[in-house]
Protein backbone atom coordinates (compact mmCIF):
# COMPACT_ATOMS: atom_id res chain seq x y z
CA UNK A 1 0.00 0.00 0.00
CA UNK A 2 2.88 2.39 0.59
CA UNK A 3 3.71 2.33 -3.09
CA UNK A 4 0.22 3.22 -4.30
CA UNK A 5 0.20 6.34 -6.42
CA UNK A 6 -2.71 8.40 -7.69
CA UNK A 7 -2.44 8.68 -11.46
CA UNK A 8 -5.68 10.54 -12.16
CA UNK A 9 -8.41 12.58 -10.49
CA UNK A 10 -11.48 13.04 -12.64
CA UNK A 11 -10.31 14.17 -16.07
CA UNK A 12 -6.86 15.14 -14.78
CA UNK A 13 -4.21 12.56 -15.52
CA UNK A 14 -0.46 12.56 -15.21
CA UNK A 15 -0.11 14.17 -18.64
CA UNK A 16 -1.77 17.34 -17.25
CA UNK A 17 0.18 17.37 -13.99
CA UNK A 18 2.88 19.87 -13.19
CA UNK A 19 5.33 20.53 -10.42
CA UNK A 20 3.71 22.61 -7.64
CA UNK A 21 6.31 25.35 -8.08
CA UNK A 22 5.75 25.76 -11.81
CA UNK A 23 2.26 24.50 -12.63
CA UNK A 24 -0.26 26.84 -14.21
CA UNK A 25 -3.45 27.96 -12.50
CA UNK A 26 -6.54 26.76 -14.37
CA UNK A 27 -9.92 28.45 -14.64
CA UNK A 28 -12.47 27.12 -12.11
CA UNK A 29 -14.57 25.62 -14.92
CA UNK A 30 -11.71 23.19 -15.59
CA UNK A 31 -12.40 21.55 -12.23
CA UNK A 32 -15.89 20.51 -13.35
CA UNK A 33 -15.18 19.56 -16.95
CA UNK A 34 -15.97 15.91 -16.18
CA UNK A 35 -19.46 16.74 -14.89
CA UNK A 36 -22.64 16.89 -16.93
CA UNK A 37 -23.19 20.44 -18.18
CA UNK A 38 -26.55 22.09 -17.53
CA UNK A 39 -27.15 25.32 -19.47
CA UNK A 40 -29.77 27.53 -17.82
CA UNK A 41 -31.50 30.75 -18.88
CA UNK A 42 -31.14 34.09 -17.09
CA UNK A 43 -34.23 33.59 -14.93
CA UNK A 44 -33.06 30.19 -13.72
CA UNK A 45 -29.54 31.57 -13.22
CA UNK A 46 -30.96 34.03 -10.69
CA UNK A 47 -32.53 31.17 -8.76
CA UNK A 48 -29.30 29.14 -8.95
CA UNK A 49 -27.31 32.08 -7.54
CA UNK A 50 -29.67 32.07 -4.55
CA UNK A 51 -29.25 28.32 -3.98
CA UNK A 52 -32.72 27.24 -5.02
CA UNK A 53 -33.81 23.62 -5.13
CA UNK A 54 -34.87 23.04 -8.73
CA UNK A 55 -36.57 20.51 -10.96
CA UNK A 56 -33.99 17.94 -12.07
CA UNK A 57 -32.57 18.10 -15.58
CA UNK A 58 -31.93 14.96 -17.60
CA UNK A 59 -29.16 12.67 -16.43
CA UNK A 60 -27.84 11.38 -13.13
CA UNK A 61 -25.63 14.33 -12.18
CA UNK A 62 -23.84 15.95 -10.63
CA UNK A 63 -24.26 18.92 -12.96
CA UNK A 64 -22.09 21.94 -13.66
CA UNK A 65 -24.68 24.72 -13.96
CA UNK A 66 -23.73 27.30 -16.58
CA UNK A 67 -25.35 30.47 -17.95
CA UNK A 68 -23.86 32.31 -20.93
CA UNK A 69 -20.57 30.47 -20.48
CA UNK A 70 -20.24 31.32 -16.78
CA UNK A 71 -20.05 28.51 -14.21
CA UNK A 72 -22.63 29.31 -11.53
CA UNK A 73 -22.82 26.22 -9.35
CA UNK A 74 -22.59 22.48 -9.03
CA UNK A 75 -25.90 20.74 -8.38
CA UNK A 76 -26.61 17.21 -7.15
CA UNK A 77 -29.65 14.95 -6.83
CA UNK A 78 -31.83 15.84 -3.84
CA UNK A 79 -35.27 14.25 -3.72
CA UNK A 80 -37.33 12.55 -6.42
CA UNK A 81 -37.18 14.82 -9.45
CA UNK A 82 -35.39 17.65 -7.59
CA UNK A 83 -31.78 18.86 -7.38
CA UNK A 84 -29.95 21.09 -4.90
CA UNK A 85 -26.68 23.00 -4.97
CA UNK A 86 -23.51 21.37 -3.66
CA UNK A 87 -21.72 24.66 -4.13
CA UNK A 88 -22.74 28.06 -5.52
CA UNK A 89 -19.89 30.22 -6.79
CA UNK A 90 -19.78 33.87 -5.74
CA UNK A 91 -20.17 36.52 -8.40
CA UNK A 92 -17.08 38.45 -9.46
C-alpha atoms as a PDB file:
ATOM      1  CA  UNK A   1       0.000   0.000   0.000  1.00  0.00           C
ATOM      2  CA  UNK A   2       2.881   2.392   0.593  1.00  0.00           C
ATOM      3  CA  UNK A   3       3.714   2.328  -3.093  1.00  0.00           C
ATOM      4  CA  UNK A   4       0.219   3.220  -4.296  1.00  0.00           C
ATOM      5  CA  UNK A   5       0.195   6.338  -6.416  1.00  0.00           C
ATOM      6  CA  UNK A   6      -2.711   8.397  -7.694  1.00  0.00           C
ATOM      7  CA  UNK A   7      -2.435   8.682 -11.462  1.00  0.00           C
ATOM      8  CA  UNK A   8      -5.678  10.542 -12.156  1.00  0.00           C
ATOM      9  CA  UNK A   9      -8.409  12.584 -10.493  1.00  0.00           C
ATOM     10  CA  UNK A  10     -11.483  13.041 -12.643  1.00  0.00           C
ATOM     11  CA  UNK A  11     -10.305  14.168 -16.069  1.00  0.00           C
ATOM     12  CA  UNK A  12      -6.863  15.136 -14.782  1.00  0.00           C
ATOM     13  CA  UNK A  13      -4.213  12.557 -15.523  1.00  0.00           C
ATOM     14  CA  UNK A  14      -0.455  12.556 -15.211  1.00  0.00           C
ATOM     15  CA  UNK A  15      -0.111  14.172 -18.641  1.00  0.00           C
ATOM     16  CA  UNK A  16      -1.773  17.340 -17.246  1.00  0.00           C
ATOM     17  CA  UNK A  17       0.182  17.374 -13.994  1.00  0.00           C
ATOM     18  CA  UNK A  18       2.876  19.871 -13.194  1.00  0.00           C
ATOM     19  CA  UNK A  19       5.335  20.526 -10.417  1.00  0.00           C
ATOM     20  CA  UNK A  20       3.712  22.610  -7.644  1.00  0.00           C
ATOM     21  CA  UNK A  21       6.310  25.349  -8.078  1.00  0.00           C
ATOM     22  CA  UNK A  22       5.747  25.756 -11.808  1.00  0.00           C
ATOM     23  CA  UNK A  23       2.257  24.497 -12.626  1.00  0.00           C
ATOM     24  CA  UNK A  24      -0.264  26.844 -14.205  1.00  0.00           C
ATOM     25  CA  UNK A  25      -3.450  27.961 -12.498  1.00  0.00           C
ATOM     26  CA  UNK A  26      -6.543  26.763 -14.365  1.00  0.00           C
ATOM     27  CA  UNK A  27      -9.922  28.446 -14.636  1.00  0.00           C
ATOM     28  CA  UNK A  28     -12.473  27.121 -12.107  1.00  0.00           C
ATOM     29  CA  UNK A  29     -14.569  25.619 -14.921  1.00  0.00           C
ATOM     30  CA  UNK A  30     -11.713  23.193 -15.591  1.00  0.00           C
ATOM     31  CA  UNK A  31     -12.398  21.554 -12.231  1.00  0.00           C
ATOM     32  CA  UNK A  32     -15.887  20.508 -13.346  1.00  0.00           C
ATOM     33  CA  UNK A  33     -15.179  19.556 -16.955  1.00  0.00           C
ATOM     34  CA  UNK A  34     -15.970  15.911 -16.184  1.00  0.00           C
ATOM     35  CA  UNK A  35     -19.464  16.741 -14.885  1.00  0.00           C
ATOM     36  CA  UNK A  36     -22.641  16.886 -16.929  1.00  0.00           C
ATOM     37  CA  UNK A  37     -23.193  20.437 -18.175  1.00  0.00           C
ATOM     38  CA  UNK A  38     -26.553  22.094 -17.533  1.00  0.00           C
ATOM     39  CA  UNK A  39     -27.154  25.325 -19.470  1.00  0.00           C
ATOM     40  CA  UNK A  40     -29.768  27.532 -17.823  1.00  0.00           C
ATOM     41  CA  UNK A  41     -31.502  30.747 -18.883  1.00  0.00           C
ATOM     42  CA  UNK A  42     -31.141  34.092 -17.087  1.00  0.00           C
ATOM     43  CA  UNK A  43     -34.234  33.592 -14.935  1.00  0.00           C
ATOM     44  CA  UNK A  44     -33.063  30.186 -13.723  1.00  0.00           C
ATOM     45  CA  UNK A  45     -29.541  31.568 -13.224  1.00  0.00           C
ATOM     46  CA  UNK A  46     -30.959  34.029 -10.688  1.00  0.00           C
ATOM     47  CA  UNK A  47     -32.533  31.174  -8.760  1.00  0.00           C
ATOM     48  CA  UNK A  48     -29.303  29.142  -8.954  1.00  0.00           C
ATOM     49  CA  UNK A  49     -27.305  32.083  -7.540  1.00  0.00           C
ATOM     50  CA  UNK A  50     -29.672  32.069  -4.552  1.00  0.00           C
ATOM     51  CA  UNK A  51     -29.245  28.317  -3.978  1.00  0.00           C
ATOM     52  CA  UNK A  52     -32.725  27.243  -5.023  1.00  0.00           C
ATOM     53  CA  UNK A  53     -33.808  23.617  -5.131  1.00  0.00           C
ATOM     54  CA  UNK A  54     -34.867  23.036  -8.733  1.00  0.00           C
ATOM     55  CA  UNK A  55     -36.569  20.512 -10.956  1.00  0.00           C
ATOM     56  CA  UNK A  56     -33.992  17.941 -12.065  1.00  0.00           C
ATOM     57  CA  UNK A  57     -32.571  18.100 -15.584  1.00  0.00           C
ATOM     58  CA  UNK A  58     -31.931  14.960 -17.603  1.00  0.00           C
ATOM     59  CA  UNK A  59     -29.156  12.671 -16.429  1.00  0.00           C
ATOM     60  CA  UNK A  60     -27.844  11.380 -13.133  1.00  0.00           C
ATOM     61  CA  UNK A  61     -25.630  14.332 -12.185  1.00  0.00           C
ATOM     62  CA  UNK A  62     -23.844  15.946 -10.632  1.00  0.00           C
ATOM     63  CA  UNK A  63     -24.255  18.924 -12.956  1.00  0.00           C
ATOM     64  CA  UNK A  64     -22.089  21.942 -13.656  1.00  0.00           C
ATOM     65  CA  UNK A  65     -24.680  24.718 -13.965  1.00  0.00           C
ATOM     66  CA  UNK A  66     -23.730  27.305 -16.584  1.00  0.00           C
ATOM     67  CA  UNK A  67     -25.348  30.465 -17.948  1.00  0.00           C
ATOM     68  CA  UNK A  68     -23.862  32.305 -20.930  1.00  0.00           C
ATOM     69  CA  UNK A  69     -20.568  30.466 -20.484  1.00  0.00           C
ATOM     70  CA  UNK A  70     -20.239  31.324 -16.776  1.00  0.00           C
ATOM     71  CA  UNK A  71     -20.050  28.505 -14.214  1.00  0.00           C
ATOM     72  CA  UNK A  72     -22.626  29.312 -11.535  1.00  0.00           C
ATOM     73  CA  UNK A  73     -22.816  26.222  -9.351  1.00  0.00           C
ATOM     74  CA  UNK A  74     -22.586  22.483  -9.030  1.00  0.00           C
ATOM     75  CA  UNK A  75     -25.898  20.741  -8.381  1.00  0.00           C
ATOM     76  CA  UNK A  76     -26.606  17.205  -7.150  1.00  0.00           C
ATOM     77  CA  UNK A  77     -29.650  14.953  -6.827  1.00  0.00           C
ATOM     78  CA  UNK A  78     -31.832  15.837  -3.841  1.00  0.00           C
ATOM     79  CA  UNK A  79     -35.273  14.255  -3.723  1.00  0.00           C
ATOM     80  CA  UNK A  80     -37.329  12.555  -6.424  1.00  0.00           C
ATOM     81  CA  UNK A  81     -37.181  14.820  -9.446  1.00  0.00           C
ATOM     82  CA  UNK A  82     -35.390  17.647  -7.589  1.00  0.00           C
ATOM     83  CA  UNK A  83     -31.782  18.859  -7.381  1.00  0.00           C
ATOM     84  CA  UNK A  84     -29.954  21.086  -4.898  1.00  0.00           C
ATOM     85  CA  UNK A  85     -26.684  23.003  -4.971  1.00  0.00           C
ATOM     86  CA  UNK A  86     -23.508  21.370  -3.664  1.00  0.00           C
ATOM     87  CA  UNK A  87     -21.725  24.664  -4.129  1.00  0.00           C
ATOM     88  CA  UNK A  88     -22.741  28.064  -5.525  1.00  0.00           C
ATOM     89  CA  UNK A  89     -19.889  30.216  -6.790  1.00  0.00           C
ATOM     90  CA  UNK A  90     -19.783  33.870  -5.735  1.00  0.00           C
ATOM     91  CA  UNK A  91     -20.167  36.521  -8.399  1.00  0.00           C
ATOM     92  CA  UNK A  92     -17.080  38.445  -9.464  1.00  0.00           C
END
